[in-house]
Amino acid sequence: MPEPPLDALQRAIPNIRQLSELHDASIAHRKSHGKGCLVFPSPQAPVWGVIASILGAERVLEVGCGIGYQAASIASAAPDRRVETIENDPSHAGLAEAAFARLALSDRIIILRGDAESLLSELDGHYDLVVEDAGINYERWLPVLARLTRPGGVLIISNLSGRGRG
């Protein structure tokens, strides 16, 4: 049974400071690499965790891990939630893995290393929540993301407009 949003927020409180630090580290990482860096810590990530809790989501797919802020925010909002997150950049995946270890989330977040457009066709659904934050080719992959989302689940597309990149 889905839990009330306030319960999810209260449970996430122990990680709030660390999640805030991971958000800030994501921004600093992006600034240090300049325009070509594809780390975009979404300010909506804590809301995605609450949405997952309202849904009673146990299985979540995130496309676009960066250094882990979004996946950690989503996983932190519920003790039984499992998150699979896709990251193509090996250094970003390594930084995310270290962040998940610091937050004691390594056993609940799996990093799928590789190109999202290659990995998506190999995945089997059904995920309770799918969050796409990587800016993939939507015309081609939106049907695949929809297939991976269970009936009654939620698909969040964060970069549909293409703005914010660069």
C-alpha atoms as a PDB file:
ATOM      1  CA  MET A   1       0.000   0.000   0.000  1.00  0.00           C
ATOM      2  CA  PRO A   2       1.409   3.427  -0.893  1.00  0.00           C
ATOM      3  CA  GLU A   3       2.515   5.525   2.032  1.00  0.00           C
ATOM      4  CA  PRO A   4       1.625   9.161   2.757  1.00  0.00           C
ATOM      5  CA  PRO A   5       4.098  11.709   1.289  1.00  0.00           C
ATOM      6  CA  LEU A   6       4.917  13.154   4.717  1.00  0.00           C
ATOM      7  CA  ASP A   7       6.127   9.742   5.938  1.00  0.00           C
ATOM      8  CA  ALA A   8       8.449   9.486   2.942  1.00  0.00           C
ATOM      9  CA  LEU A   9       9.891  12.938   3.627  1.00  0.00           C
ATOM     10  CA  GLN A  10      10.401  12.223   7.313  1.00  0.00           C
ATOM     11  CA  ARG A  11      12.204   8.969   6.541  1.00  0.00           C
ATOM     12  CA  ALA A  12      14.489  10.750   4.074  1.00  0.00           C
ATOM     13  CA  ILE A  13      15.506  13.358   6.665  1.00  0.00           C
ATOM     14  CA  PRO A  14      18.547  11.394   7.955  1.00  0.00           C
ATOM     15  CA  ASN A  15      20.099  11.696   4.472  1.00  0.00           C
ATOM     16  CA  ILE A  16      19.016  15.262   3.729  1.00  0.00           C
ATOM     17  CA  ARG A  17      22.383  16.847   4.572  1.00  0.00           C
ATOM     18  CA  GLN A  18      24.323  14.227   2.621  1.00  0.00           C
ATOM     19  CA  LEU A  19      21.932  14.506  -0.331  1.00  0.00           C
ATOM     20  CA  SER A  20      22.377  18.279  -0.286  1.00  0.00           C
ATOM     21  CA  GLU A  21      26.149  17.795  -0.286  1.00  0.00           C
ATOM     22  CA  LEU A  22      25.848  15.375  -3.228  1.00  0.00           C
ATOM     23  CA  HIS A  23      23.721  17.934  -5.105  1.00  0.00           C
ATOM     24  CA  ASP A  24      26.356  20.611  -4.480  1.00  0.00           C
ATOM     25  CA  ALA A  25      29.128  18.205  -5.506  1.00  0.00           C
ATOM     26  CA  SER A  26      27.252  17.533  -8.758  1.00  0.00           C
ATOM     27  CA  ILE A  27      27.085  21.241  -9.510  1.00  0.00           C
ATOM     28  CA  ALA A  28      30.780  21.698  -8.651  1.00  0.00           C
ATOM     29  CA  HIS A  29      31.672  18.712 -10.840  1.00  0.00           C
ATOM     30  CA  ARG A  30      29.755  20.188 -13.763  1.00  0.00           C
ATOM     31  CA  LYS A  31      31.404  23.606 -13.334  1.00  0.00           C
ATOM     32  CA  SER A  32      34.874  22.093 -13.131  1.00  0.00           C
ATOM     33  CA  HIS A  33      34.352  20.286 -16.457  1.00  0.00           C
ATOM     34  CA  GLY A  34      32.608  23.093 -18.305  1.00  0.00           C
ATOM     35  CA  LYS A  35      30.094  22.918 -21.116  1.00  0.00           C
ATOM     36  CA  GLY A  36      30.780  19.351 -22.191  1.00  0.00           C
ATOM     37  CA  CYS A  37      29.894  17.818 -18.820  1.00  0.00           C
ATOM     38  CA  LEU A  38      26.597  15.965 -18.770  1.00  0.00           C
ATOM     39  CA  VAL A  39      26.014  16.053 -15.009  1.00  0.00           C
ATOM     40  CA  PHE A  40      22.747  17.884 -14.364  1.00  0.00           C
ATOM     41  CA  PRO A  41      21.539  17.469 -10.777  1.00  0.00           C
ATOM     42  CA  SER A  42      17.794  17.910 -11.032  1.00  0.00           C
ATOM     43  CA  PRO A  43      16.238  20.013  -8.278  1.00  0.00           C
ATOM     44  CA  GLN A  44      13.115  17.849  -8.693  1.00  0.00           C
ATOM     45  CA  ALA A  45      14.903  14.661  -7.546  1.00  0.00           C
ATOM     46  CA  PRO A  46      13.530  14.743  -3.960  1.00  0.00           C
ATOM     47  CA  VAL A  47      10.029  15.147  -5.417  1.00  0.00           C
ATOM     48  CA  TRP A  48      10.652  12.069  -7.571  1.00  0.00           C
ATOM     49  CA  GLY A  49      11.391  10.155  -4.349  1.00  0.00           C
ATOM     50  CA  VAL A  50       8.084  11.337  -2.898  1.00  0.00           C
ATOM     51  CA  ILE A  51       6.239  10.390  -6.107  1.00  0.00           C
ATOM     52  CA  ALA A  52       7.816   6.935  -5.906  1.00  0.00           C
ATOM     53  CA  SER A  53       6.630   6.647  -2.297  1.00  0.00           C
ATOM     54  CA  ILE A  54       3.095   7.714  -3.149  1.00  0.00           C
ATOM     55  CA  LEU A  55       3.078   5.048  -5.876  1.00  0.00           C
ATOM     56  CA  GLY A  56       4.452   2.451  -3.498  1.00  0.00           C
ATOM     57  CA  ALA A  57       7.271   2.004  -6.021  1.00  0.00           C
ATOM     58  CA  GLU A  58       9.661  -0.800  -5.260  1.00  0.00           C
ATOM     59  CA  ARG A  59      11.467  -0.869  -8.612  1.00  0.00           C
ATOM     60  CA  VAL A  60      12.692   2.342 -10.262  1.00  0.00           C
ATOM     61  CA  LEU A  61      14.691   2.973 -13.424  1.00  0.00           C
ATOM     62  CA  GLU A  62      16.629   6.186 -13.848  1.00  0.00           C
ATOM     63  CA  VAL A  63      18.233   7.037 -17.177  1.00  0.00           C
ATOM     64  CA  GLY A  64      21.055   9.519 -16.573  1.00  0.00           C
ATOM     65  CA  CYS A  65      22.843   8.859 -13.270  1.00  0.00           C
ATOM     66  CA  GLY A  66      25.481  11.584 -13.339  1.00  0.00           C
ATOM     67  CA  ILE A  67      27.321  11.280 -10.032  1.00  0.00           C
ATOM     68  CA  GLY A  68      24.285   9.859  -8.277  1.00  0.00           C
ATOM     69  CA  TYR A  69      22.205  12.681  -6.807  1.00  0.00           C
ATOM     70  CA  GLN A  70      18.867  11.738  -8.380  1.00  0.00           C
ATOM     71  CA  ALA A  71      19.159   7.989  -7.752  1.00  0.00           C
ATOM     72  CA  ALA A  72      20.211   8.599  -4.141  1.00  0.00           C
ATOM     73  CA  SER A  73      17.285  10.984  -3.599  1.00  0.00           C
ATOM     74  CA  ILE A  74      14.815   8.452  -4.980  1.00  0.00           C
ATOM     75  CA  ALA A  75      16.269   5.493  -3.055  1.00  0.00           C
ATOM     76  CA  SER A  76      16.525   7.442   0.212  1.00  0.00           C
ATOM     77  CA  ALA A  77      12.786   8.057   0.362  1.00  0.00           C
ATOM     78  CA  ALA A  78      11.923   4.390   1.065  1.00  0.00           C
ATOM     79  CA  PRO A  79      13.867   1.568   2.737  1.00  0.00           C
ATOM     80  CA  ASP A  80      12.728  -1.163   0.320  1.00  0.00           C
ATOM     81  CA  ARG A  81      13.121   0.741  -2.928  1.00  0.00           C
ATOM     82  CA  ARG A  82      15.484  -0.603  -5.588  1.00  0.00           C
ATOM     83  CA  VAL A  83      16.848   1.786  -8.197  1.00  0.00           C
ATOM     84  CA  GLU A  84      18.592   0.833 -11.412  1.00  0.00           C
ATOM     85  CA  THR A  85      20.379   3.786 -12.964  1.00  0.00           C
ATOM     86  CA  ILE A  86      22.139   4.036 -16.310  1.00  0.00           C
ATOM     87  CA  GLU A  87      25.429   5.916 -16.704  1.00  0.00           C
ATOM     88  CA  ASN A  88      27.668   5.956 -19.754  1.00  0.00           C
ATOM     89  CA  ASP A  89      30.631   7.908 -18.349  1.00  0.00           C
ATOM     90  CA  PRO A  90      32.913   5.571 -16.335  1.00  0.00           C
ATOM     91  CA  SER A  91      34.238   8.375 -14.114  1.00  0.00           C
ATOM     92  CA  HIS A  92      30.706   9.537 -13.286  1.00  0.00           C
ATOM     93  CA  ALA A  93      29.658   5.950 -12.526  1.00  0.00           C
ATOM     94  CA  GLY A  94      32.653   5.620 -10.181  1.00  0.00           C
ATOM     95  CA  LEU A  95      31.779   8.838  -8.368  1.00  0.00           C
ATOM     96  CA  ALA A  96      28.155   7.713  -8.059  1.00  0.00           C
ATOM     97  CA  GLU A  97      29.223   4.330  -6.711  1.00  0.00           C
ATOM     98  CA  ALA A  98      31.333   6.049  -4.033  1.00  0.00           C
ATOM     99  CA  ALA A  99      28.431   8.359  -3.123  1.00  0.00           C
ATOM    100  CA  PHE A 100      26.054   5.406  -2.780  1.00  0.00           C
ATOM    101  CA  ALA A 101      28.540   3.704  -0.454  1.00  0.00           C
ATOM    102  CA  ARG A 102      28.816   6.850   1.723  1.00  0.00           C
ATOM    103  CA  LEU A 103      25.020   7.009   1.936  1.00  0.00           C
ATOM    104  CA  ALA A 104      24.695   3.268   2.700  1.00  0.00           C
ATOM    105  CA  LEU A 105      22.642   2.825  -0.489  1.00  0.00           C
ATOM    106  CA  SER A 106      24.966   0.493  -2.434  1.00  0.00           C
ATOM    107  CA  ASP A 107      22.770  -2.522  -1.781  1.00  0.00           C
ATOM    108  CA  ARG A 108      19.700  -0.745  -3.223  1.00  0.00           C
ATOM    109  CA  ILE A 109      21.108   1.112  -6.248  1.00  0.00           C
ATOM    110  CA  ILE A 110      22.554  -0.717  -9.232  1.00  0.00           C
ATOM    111  CA  ILE A 111      24.543   1.237 -11.811  1.00  0.00           C
ATOM    112  CA  LEU A 112      24.051  -0.093 -15.325  1.00  0.00           C
ATOM    113  CA  ARG A 113      27.203   1.068 -17.061  1.00  0.00           C
ATOM    114  CA  GLY A 114      26.948   1.936 -20.719  1.00  0.00           C
ATOM    115  CA  ASP A 115      25.050   3.929 -23.299  1.00  0.00           C
ATOM    116  CA  ALA A 116      21.367   4.325 -22.431  1.00  0.00           C
ATOM    117  CA  GLU A 117      20.221   3.821 -25.990  1.00  0.00           C
ATOM    118  CA  SER A 118      22.066   0.489 -26.115  1.00  0.00           C
ATOM    119  CA  LEU A 119      20.975  -0.695 -22.657  1.00  0.00           C
ATOM    120  CA  LEU A 120      17.300   0.293 -22.844  1.00  0.00           C
ATOM    121  CA  SER A 121      16.410  -2.310 -25.445  1.00  0.00           C
ATOM    122  CA  GLU A 122      17.994  -5.020 -23.246  1.00  0.00           C
ATOM    123  CA  LEU A 123      15.974  -4.176 -20.116  1.00  0.00           C
ATOM    124  CA  ASP A 124      12.756  -5.851 -19.218  1.00  0.00           C
ATOM    125  CA  GLY A 125      10.040  -4.017 -17.337  1.00  0.00           C
ATOM    126  CA  HIS A 126       8.025  -3.423 -15.471  1.00  0.00           C
ATOM    127  CA  TYR A 127       9.309  -0.557 -13.397  1.00  0.00           C
ATOM    128  CA  ASP A 128       6.963   1.275 -11.045  1.00  0.00           C
ATOM    129  CA  LEU A 129       8.675   4.558 -11.885  1.00  0.00           C
ATOM    130  CA  VAL A 130      10.901   5.430 -14.838  1.00  0.00           C
ATOM    131  CA  VAL A 131      12.787   8.733 -14.762  1.00  0.00           C
ATOM    132  CA  GLU A 132      14.576   9.796 -17.932  1.00  0.00           C
ATOM    133  CA  ASP A 133      17.064  12.583 -17.296  1.00  0.00           C
ATOM    134  CA  ALA A 134      19.674  11.991 -19.985  1.00  0.00           C
ATOM    135  CA  GLY A 135      18.217  13.683 -23.053  1.00  0.00           C
ATOM    136  CA  ILE A 136      18.073  10.589 -25.258  1.00  0.00           C
ATOM    137  CA  ASN A 137      16.388  10.476 -28.660  1.00  0.00           C
ATOM    138  CA  TYR A 138      12.755  10.676 -27.560  1.00  0.00           C
ATOM    139  CA  GLU A 139      11.176   9.891 -30.914  1.00  0.00           C
ATOM    140  CA  ARG A 140      13.010   6.593 -30.929  1.00  0.00           C
ATOM    141  CA  TRP A 141      13.031   5.696 -27.232  1.00  0.00           C
ATOM    142  CA  LEU A 142       9.784   7.046 -25.753  1.00  0.00           C
ATOM    143  CA  PRO A 143       7.901   3.846 -26.746  1.00  0.00           C
ATOM    144  CA  VAL A 144      10.620   1.762 -25.068  1.00  0.00           C
ATOM    145  CA  LEU A 145      10.435   3.845 -21.885  1.00  0.00           C
ATOM    146  CA  ALA A 146       6.653   3.458 -21.909  1.00  0.00           C
ATOM    147  CA  ARG A 147       7.043  -0.330 -22.329  1.00  0.00           C
ATOM    148  CA  LEU A 148       9.394  -0.440 -19.334  1.00  0.00           C
ATOM    149  CA  THR A 149       6.861   1.416 -17.155  1.00  0.00           C
ATOM    150  CA  ARG A 150       4.330  -0.942 -15.558  1.00  0.00           C
ATOM    151  CA  PRO A 151       0.636  -0.309 -16.165  1.00  0.00           C
ATOM    152  CA  GLY A 152      -0.361   2.290 -13.565  1.00  0.00           C
ATOM    153  CA  GLY A 153       3.266   3.318 -13.107  1.00  0.00           C
ATOM    154  CA  VAL A 154       4.708   6.748 -13.844  1.00  0.00           C
ATOM    155  CA  LEU A 155       7.137   7.860 -16.543  1.00  0.00           C
ATOM    156  CA  ILE A 156       8.920  11.162 -15.896  1.00  0.00           C
ATOM    157  CA  ILE A 157      10.715  12.834 -18.786  1.00  0.00           C
ATOM    158  CA  SER A 158      12.899  15.594 -17.394  1.00  0.00           C
ATOM    159  CA  ASN A 159      14.559  16.999 -20.513  1.00  0.00           C
ATOM    160  CA  LEU A 160      11.853  16.728 -23.149  1.00  0.00           C
ATOM    161  CA  SER A 161      12.373  20.317 -24.279  1.00  0.00           C
ATOM    162  CA  GLY A 162      16.127  19.911 -24.589  1.00  0.00           C
ATOM    163  CA  ARG A 163      16.638  23.116 -22.620  1.00  0.00           C
ATOM    164  CA  GLY A 164      19.185  23.243 -19.856  1.00  0.00           C
ATOM    165  CA  ARG A 165      21.835  21.327 -21.766  1.00  0.00           C
ATOM    166  CA  GLY A 166      25.152  22.708 -22.764  1.00  0.00           C
END
